[in-house]
Amino acid sequence: MSTERTAPVSSITIAEATEKLNAMRAERRLPLLSHNAALQRAADEQAQIMAETTRVSHTADPEQTLVIRLRRSGFGGGAGENLAGGPPNLDTVIAGWLKSPSHNKTMVNPDYVQFGIALRRGRSTTYNTYGTYWALLMGVRSPEGRA
């Protein structure tokens, strides 16, 4: 039997995410990011999968790999993906990604100039302590004519 708790309250806007991600990139003299609708669809899908499965994993659903999600979303370029579970706000999750060598590598990749970011709240129980699930996709500019 599990004890249910309220998941952390959090929301983000694309404008807020763009501002915070670009502030971090400007400090490092990296190209600024623009929002990409196809990357957003892929990020939304991954955050939803993680919230439903209560797992932070690039393969939380084996049928929903990054390559499959990018293809389905219509994104035509290369991309990297950062995931997180738990942080209740954007500042905290960005700080965590920057401290992690593998996540930092994605955050500061100068080839990545587009992004999509999503958060979903899942049921928080004794066995699911995250409550909040984040997915950030950053990608290279798509070939002309592709999303």
Foldseek 3Di string as FASTA:
>chain_A
DKDWDAFFDADDDPVRVQVVLQVVQVVVVAAGAAEDQLQQQLFAVQQVLCQVLLDFDCPSPVVNHSVNSSVVSFFAFDKDKDKDFADRYDVVVVVVLCVDVVSVCRSHVRQFHYKHKDKDAHTDIPVRPRRIMIMMMTTGDHDPPID
